[in-house]
Amino acid sequence: MEPERIEQIRKLGDGIADYIAGQNDRRFFRTFVTERRYNYFRTALINANTAYVRAGHAPFLMLDPYIAVFEDGDDVRRADWQLARDLVLIRVVEQLHEKGWLARNTEAVTEVIAATEKELETETP
């Protein structure tokens, strides 16, 4: 993976973690972790970003970084968008841990783990 994309993943993860911790948005956290449909995933990001801006913050989601991480050009998602989402999630968890949000929201983490395990059980190999 190219260094520029890795940096964009890191910055996006930082922004999402700031949003989740600042707004205590457990619902978005769950959606971000569990959503497997790209259009729904993108819509969740857009809605959270819009809510964050309405609350008086600078957007955490910007066009060029989003395209660098998730798009392959001309309305085509990257074939590895789920890998990119997982890498962003690794950074989000790292940052939420540092902020103490995960420790204060253990039930949200438990819900996400349960939902992910349930989904894995229903997938066919």
N, C-alpha and C. Protein backbone atom coordinates (compact mmCIF):
# COMPACT_ATOMS: atom_id res chain seq x y z
N MET A 1 0.86 -1.18 0.00
CA MET A 1 0.00 0.00 0.00
C MET A 1 0.90 1.23 0.00
N GLU A 2 0.53 2.20 -0.81
CA GLU A 2 1.35 3.40 -0.94
C GLU A 2 1.28 4.26 0.34
N PRO A 3 2.39 4.91 0.67
CA PRO A 3 2.47 5.70 1.90
C PRO A 3 1.40 6.79 2.01
N GLU A 4 1.06 7.44 0.90
CA GLU A 4 0.05 8.50 0.93
C GLU A 4 -1.31 7.94 1.36
N ARG A 5 -1.67 6.77 0.85
CA ARG A 5 -2.95 6.16 1.24
C ARG A 5 -2.94 5.78 2.72
N ILE A 6 -1.83 5.27 3.19
CA ILE A 6 -1.70 4.93 4.62
C ILE A 6 -1.89 6.17 5.47
N GLU A 7 -1.30 7.28 5.06
CA GLU A 7 -1.46 8.54 5.81
C GLU A 7 -2.91 9.00 5.79
N GLN A 8 -3.58 8.86 4.66
CA GLN A 8 -5.00 9.23 4.58
C GLN A 8 -5.86 8.34 5.48
N ILE A 9 -5.53 7.07 5.54
CA ILE A 9 -6.24 6.13 6.43
C ILE A 9 -6.06 6.57 7.88
N ARG A 10 -4.84 6.91 8.24
CA ARG A 10 -4.53 7.36 9.61
C ARG A 10 -5.33 8.63 9.96
N LYS A 11 -5.32 9.60 9.06
CA LYS A 11 -6.03 10.86 9.32
C LYS A 11 -7.55 10.64 9.40
N LEU A 12 -8.07 9.82 8.52
CA LEU A 12 -9.50 9.53 8.55
C LEU A 12 -9.87 8.84 9.86
N GLY A 13 -9.06 7.88 10.28
CA GLY A 13 -9.31 7.20 11.56
C GLY A 13 -9.29 8.16 12.73
N ASP A 14 -8.36 9.10 12.72
CA ASP A 14 -8.28 10.10 13.79
C ASP A 14 -9.55 10.95 13.82
N GLY A 15 -9.99 11.39 12.64
CA GLY A 15 -11.19 12.22 12.56
C GLY A 15 -12.44 11.47 13.01
N ILE A 16 -12.56 10.23 12.59
CA ILE A 16 -13.72 9.43 13.00
C ILE A 16 -13.70 9.19 14.49
N ALA A 17 -12.54 8.91 15.05
CA ALA A 17 -12.43 8.70 16.50
C ALA A 17 -12.81 9.97 17.26
N ASP A 18 -12.36 11.12 16.78
CA ASP A 18 -12.74 12.39 17.41
C ASP A 18 -14.26 12.56 17.38
N TYR A 19 -14.86 12.24 16.24
CA TYR A 19 -16.32 12.33 16.12
C TYR A 19 -17.02 11.39 17.10
N ILE A 20 -16.64 10.13 17.09
CA ILE A 20 -17.30 9.14 17.95
C ILE A 20 -17.17 9.54 19.42
N ALA A 21 -15.96 9.89 19.84
CA ALA A 21 -15.74 10.25 21.24
C ALA A 21 -16.44 11.55 21.60
N GLY A 22 -16.32 12.54 20.73
CA GLY A 22 -16.91 13.85 21.01
C GLY A 22 -18.42 13.84 21.04
N GLN A 23 -19.03 13.05 20.18
CA GLN A 23 -20.49 12.99 20.10
C GLN A 23 -21.06 11.78 20.84
N ASN A 24 -20.17 10.93 21.34
CA ASN A 24 -20.55 9.68 21.99
C ASN A 24 -21.54 8.89 21.11
N ASP A 25 -21.17 8.78 19.85
CA ASP A 25 -22.06 8.16 18.86
C ASP A 25 -21.79 6.66 18.76
N ARG A 26 -22.38 5.93 19.68
CA ARG A 26 -22.22 4.48 19.72
C ARG A 26 -22.88 3.81 18.52
N ARG A 27 -23.97 4.39 18.07
CA ARG A 27 -24.68 3.81 16.92
C ARG A 27 -23.79 3.87 15.67
N PHE A 28 -23.16 5.00 15.44
CA PHE A 28 -22.27 5.11 14.29
C PHE A 28 -21.09 4.15 14.43
N PHE A 29 -20.54 4.02 15.63
CA PHE A 29 -19.45 3.09 15.87
C PHE A 29 -19.85 1.69 15.43
N ARG A 30 -21.03 1.27 15.82
CA ARG A 30 -21.50 -0.06 15.45
C ARG A 30 -21.68 -0.17 13.94
N THR A 31 -22.28 0.82 13.33
CA THR A 31 -22.48 0.80 11.88
C THR A 31 -21.14 0.76 11.15
N PHE A 32 -20.20 1.57 11.59
CA PHE A 32 -18.90 1.61 10.94
C PHE A 32 -18.22 0.25 10.97
N VAL A 33 -18.34 -0.45 12.08
CA VAL A 33 -17.69 -1.75 12.23
C VAL A 33 -18.41 -2.84 11.44
N THR A 34 -19.72 -2.82 11.42
CA THR A 34 -20.47 -3.97 10.93
C THR A 34 -21.03 -3.85 9.51
N GLU A 35 -21.14 -2.65 8.97
CA GLU A 35 -21.78 -2.50 7.66
C GLU A 35 -20.93 -3.13 6.55
N ARG A 36 -21.56 -3.99 5.76
CA ARG A 36 -20.87 -4.68 4.67
C ARG A 36 -21.27 -4.18 3.29
N ARG A 37 -22.32 -3.38 3.23
CA ARG A 37 -22.77 -2.84 1.94
C ARG A 37 -22.17 -1.45 1.76
N TYR A 38 -21.42 -1.30 0.69
CA TYR A 38 -20.66 -0.08 0.48
C TYR A 38 -21.53 1.17 0.47
N ASN A 39 -22.65 1.15 -0.24
CA ASN A 39 -23.50 2.35 -0.31
C ASN A 39 -24.02 2.75 1.07
N TYR A 40 -24.39 1.79 1.89
CA TYR A 40 -24.87 2.08 3.24
C TYR A 40 -23.73 2.61 4.11
N PHE A 41 -22.55 2.01 3.94
CA PHE A 41 -21.37 2.45 4.67
C PHE A 41 -21.06 3.91 4.35
N ARG A 42 -21.04 4.24 3.06
CA ARG A 42 -20.75 5.62 2.63
C ARG A 42 -21.81 6.58 3.16
N THR A 43 -23.06 6.18 3.11
CA THR A 43 -24.14 7.03 3.60
C THR A 43 -24.00 7.28 5.11
N ALA A 44 -23.62 6.25 5.86
CA ALA A 44 -23.42 6.42 7.31
C ALA A 44 -22.30 7.43 7.58
N LEU A 45 -21.22 7.36 6.81
CA LEU A 45 -20.13 8.33 6.96
C LEU A 45 -20.59 9.74 6.64
N ILE A 46 -21.33 9.89 5.56
CA ILE A 46 -21.82 11.21 5.16
C ILE A 46 -22.77 11.78 6.21
N ASN A 47 -23.67 10.96 6.71
CA ASN A 47 -24.62 11.43 7.73
C ASN A 47 -23.91 11.83 9.02
N ALA A 48 -22.94 11.04 9.45
CA ALA A 48 -22.20 11.38 10.67
C ALA A 48 -21.39 12.66 10.46
N ASN A 49 -20.77 12.80 9.31
CA ASN A 49 -20.00 14.00 8.99
C ASN A 49 -20.88 15.24 9.01
N THR A 50 -22.06 15.12 8.40
CA THR A 50 -23.01 16.24 8.37
C THR A 50 -23.47 16.61 9.78
N ALA A 51 -23.76 15.62 10.60
CA ALA A 51 -24.18 15.88 11.98
C ALA A 51 -23.05 16.58 12.75
N TYR A 52 -21.83 16.17 12.52
CA TYR A 52 -20.68 16.76 13.20
C TYR A 52 -20.53 18.24 12.82
N VAL A 53 -20.70 18.53 11.54
CA VAL A 53 -20.61 19.92 11.07
C VAL A 53 -21.75 20.75 11.66
N ARG A 54 -22.96 20.18 11.70
CA ARG A 54 -24.10 20.89 12.30
C ARG A 54 -23.85 21.21 13.77
N ALA A 55 -23.05 20.38 14.44
CA ALA A 55 -22.72 20.61 15.85
C ALA A 55 -21.61 21.64 16.02
N GLY A 56 -21.15 22.22 14.90
CA GLY A 56 -20.17 23.30 14.99
C GLY A 56 -18.72 22.89 14.80
N HIS A 57 -18.49 21.66 14.36
CA HIS A 57 -17.12 21.17 14.17
C HIS A 57 -16.73 21.21 12.69
N ALA A 58 -15.45 21.18 12.45
CA ALA A 58 -14.96 21.03 11.08
C ALA A 58 -15.24 19.59 10.63
N PRO A 59 -15.53 19.38 9.37
CA PRO A 59 -15.81 18.02 8.90
C PRO A 59 -14.64 17.08 9.13
N PHE A 60 -14.95 15.85 9.51
CA PHE A 60 -13.89 14.85 9.64
C PHE A 60 -13.70 14.08 8.33
N LEU A 61 -14.65 14.21 7.43
CA LEU A 61 -14.61 13.51 6.15
C LEU A 61 -14.50 14.55 5.04
N MET A 62 -13.40 14.48 4.31
CA MET A 62 -13.16 15.41 3.20
C MET A 62 -13.08 14.60 1.91
N LEU A 63 -13.37 15.24 0.80
CA LEU A 63 -13.49 14.56 -0.48
C LEU A 63 -12.21 13.84 -0.92
N ASP A 64 -11.11 14.55 -1.02
CA ASP A 64 -9.89 13.93 -1.55
C ASP A 64 -9.40 12.76 -0.69
N PRO A 65 -9.35 12.90 0.63
CA PRO A 65 -8.94 11.75 1.44
C PRO A 65 -9.91 10.57 1.30
N TYR A 66 -11.21 10.85 1.23
CA TYR A 66 -12.19 9.77 1.07
C TYR A 66 -11.92 9.01 -0.23
N ILE A 67 -11.72 9.75 -1.30
CA ILE A 67 -11.45 9.13 -2.60
C ILE A 67 -10.16 8.31 -2.54
N ALA A 68 -9.13 8.85 -1.90
CA ALA A 68 -7.85 8.14 -1.79
C ALA A 68 -7.99 6.83 -1.03
N VAL A 69 -8.86 6.80 -0.03
CA VAL A 69 -9.00 5.60 0.80
C VAL A 69 -9.98 4.60 0.21
N PHE A 70 -11.13 5.07 -0.29
CA PHE A 70 -12.23 4.16 -0.62
C PHE A 70 -12.62 4.08 -2.10
N GLU A 71 -12.22 5.03 -2.92
CA GLU A 71 -12.71 5.05 -4.31
C GLU A 71 -11.58 4.73 -5.29
N ASP A 72 -11.98 4.21 -6.44
CA ASP A 72 -11.04 3.89 -7.50
C ASP A 72 -11.29 4.77 -8.71
N GLY A 73 -12.12 5.79 -8.55
CA GLY A 73 -12.41 6.74 -9.61
C GLY A 73 -13.74 6.50 -10.28
N ASP A 74 -14.34 7.58 -10.76
CA ASP A 74 -15.60 7.53 -11.50
C ASP A 74 -16.66 6.65 -10.85
N ASP A 75 -17.00 6.95 -9.62
CA ASP A 75 -18.07 6.24 -8.90
C ASP A 75 -17.82 4.75 -8.76
N VAL A 76 -16.57 4.35 -8.70
CA VAL A 76 -16.24 2.94 -8.54
C VAL A 76 -15.50 2.77 -7.22
N ARG A 77 -16.09 1.97 -6.34
CA ARG A 77 -15.41 1.72 -5.07
C ARG A 77 -14.18 0.86 -5.32
N ARG A 78 -13.20 1.03 -4.44
CA ARG A 78 -12.00 0.20 -4.54
C ARG A 78 -12.37 -1.24 -4.21
N ALA A 79 -11.75 -2.16 -4.89
CA ALA A 79 -12.01 -3.58 -4.62
C ALA A 79 -11.65 -3.93 -3.18
N ASP A 80 -10.71 -3.20 -2.61
CA ASP A 80 -10.26 -3.47 -1.24
C ASP A 80 -10.86 -2.50 -0.22
N TRP A 81 -12.06 -1.97 -0.50
CA TRP A 81 -12.64 -0.97 0.41
C TRP A 81 -12.84 -1.54 1.81
N GLN A 82 -13.16 -2.84 1.93
CA GLN A 82 -13.35 -3.41 3.27
C GLN A 82 -12.03 -3.50 4.02
N LEU A 83 -10.95 -3.81 3.32
CA LEU A 83 -9.63 -3.77 3.95
C LEU A 83 -9.32 -2.36 4.43
N ALA A 84 -9.59 -1.37 3.58
CA ALA A 84 -9.35 0.02 3.97
C ALA A 84 -10.19 0.38 5.19
N ARG A 85 -11.46 -0.03 5.20
CA ARG A 85 -12.31 0.22 6.36
C ARG A 85 -11.73 -0.44 7.61
N ASP A 86 -11.25 -1.66 7.49
CA ASP A 86 -10.66 -2.35 8.63
C ASP A 86 -9.41 -1.64 9.13
N LEU A 87 -8.60 -1.12 8.22
CA LEU A 87 -7.41 -0.38 8.63
C LEU A 87 -7.78 0.93 9.32
N VAL A 88 -8.79 1.61 8.79
CA VAL A 88 -9.29 2.82 9.45
C VAL A 88 -9.80 2.44 10.84
N LEU A 89 -10.52 1.33 10.93
CA LEU A 89 -11.06 0.88 12.22
C LEU A 89 -9.95 0.59 13.23
N ILE A 90 -8.87 -0.01 12.78
CA ILE A 90 -7.74 -0.26 13.68
C ILE A 90 -7.27 1.06 14.27
N ARG A 91 -7.17 2.08 13.44
CA ARG A 91 -6.75 3.40 13.93
C ARG A 91 -7.81 4.01 14.85
N VAL A 92 -9.09 3.85 14.49
CA VAL A 92 -10.18 4.37 15.33
C VAL A 92 -10.12 3.74 16.72
N VAL A 93 -9.98 2.43 16.78
CA VAL A 93 -9.91 1.75 18.07
C VAL A 93 -8.71 2.22 18.87
N GLU A 94 -7.58 2.36 18.20
CA GLU A 94 -6.37 2.86 18.86
C GLU A 94 -6.64 4.23 19.50
N GLN A 95 -7.25 5.13 18.73
CA GLN A 95 -7.52 6.47 19.22
C GLN A 95 -8.61 6.49 20.30
N LEU A 96 -9.66 5.69 20.13
CA LEU A 96 -10.72 5.65 21.15
C LEU A 96 -10.19 5.08 22.46
N HIS A 97 -9.26 4.16 22.36
CA HIS A 97 -8.62 3.63 23.58
C HIS A 97 -7.84 4.74 24.28
N GLU A 98 -7.05 5.49 23.52
CA GLU A 98 -6.26 6.58 24.10
C GLU A 98 -7.15 7.64 24.74
N LYS A 99 -8.32 7.87 24.17
CA LYS A 99 -9.26 8.87 24.70
C LYS A 99 -10.07 8.34 25.88
N GLY A 100 -9.98 7.04 26.15
CA GLY A 100 -10.74 6.44 27.24
C GLY A 100 -12.18 6.11 26.87
N TRP A 101 -12.57 6.34 25.62
CA TRP A 101 -13.96 6.11 25.20
C TRP A 101 -14.32 4.64 25.26
N LEU A 102 -13.42 3.77 24.86
CA LEU A 102 -13.71 2.34 24.88
C LEU A 102 -13.95 1.84 26.31
N ALA A 103 -13.18 2.34 27.25
CA ALA A 103 -13.35 1.94 28.64
C ALA A 103 -14.67 2.43 29.21
N ARG A 104 -15.13 3.58 28.76
CA ARG A 104 -16.41 4.12 29.24
C ARG A 104 -17.61 3.53 28.50
N ASN A 105 -17.37 2.84 27.40
CA ASN A 105 -18.45 2.31 26.58
C ASN A 105 -18.25 0.83 26.28
N THR A 106 -17.94 0.08 27.30
CA THR A 106 -17.66 -1.35 27.10
C THR A 106 -18.85 -2.09 26.50
N GLU A 107 -20.06 -1.67 26.83
CA GLU A 107 -21.23 -2.36 26.28
C GLU A 107 -21.34 -2.13 24.77
N ALA A 108 -20.92 -0.99 24.27
CA ALA A 108 -20.92 -0.75 22.83
C ALA A 108 -19.93 -1.68 22.13
N VAL A 109 -18.79 -1.87 22.75
CA VAL A 109 -17.79 -2.77 22.18
C VAL A 109 -18.31 -4.20 22.21
N THR A 110 -18.94 -4.59 23.30
CA THR A 110 -19.51 -5.93 23.41
C THR A 110 -20.57 -6.15 22.34
N GLU A 111 -21.42 -5.15 22.11
CA GLU A 111 -22.46 -5.25 21.07
C GLU A 111 -21.84 -5.43 19.69
N VAL A 112 -20.78 -4.70 19.40
CA VAL A 112 -20.13 -4.79 18.10
C VAL A 112 -19.51 -6.17 17.92
N ILE A 113 -18.86 -6.67 18.95
CA ILE A 113 -18.25 -8.00 18.86
C ILE A 113 -19.33 -9.06 18.63
N ALA A 114 -20.42 -8.97 19.35
CA ALA A 114 -21.52 -9.93 19.19
C ALA A 114 -22.11 -9.86 17.79
N ALA A 115 -22.32 -8.66 17.28
CA ALA A 115 -22.90 -8.50 15.94
C ALA A 115 -21.95 -9.04 14.88
N THR A 116 -20.66 -8.79 15.04
CA THR A 116 -19.68 -9.27 14.08
C THR A 116 -19.61 -10.80 14.10
N GLU A 117 -19.60 -11.38 15.30
CA GLU A 117 -19.57 -12.84 15.40
C GLU A 117 -20.81 -13.46 14.80
N LYS A 118 -21.96 -12.86 15.02
CA LYS A 118 -23.22 -13.37 14.46
C LYS A 118 -23.17 -13.35 12.95
N GLU A 119 -22.66 -12.26 12.40
CA GLU A 119 -22.57 -12.14 10.95
C GLU A 119 -21.62 -13.18 10.39
N LEU A 120 -20.51 -13.41 11.06
CA LEU A 120 -19.54 -14.41 10.59
C LEU A 120 -20.15 -15.80 10.60
N GLU A 121 -21.01 -16.09 11.58
CA GLU A 121 -21.66 -17.39 11.67
C GLU A 121 -22.61 -17.63 10.50
N THR A 122 -23.25 -16.55 10.01
CA THR A 122 -24.24 -16.69 8.95
C THR A 122 -23.62 -16.65 7.55
N GLU A 123 -22.36 -16.27 7.45
CA GLU A 123 -21.71 -16.23 6.14
C GLU A 123 -21.42 -17.65 5.67
N THR A 124 -21.56 -17.85 4.39
CA THR A 124 -21.23 -19.15 3.83
C THR A 124 -19.83 -19.08 3.24
N PRO A 125 -19.04 -20.12 3.43
CA PRO A 125 -17.64 -20.10 2.93
C PRO A 125 -17.56 -20.12 1.42
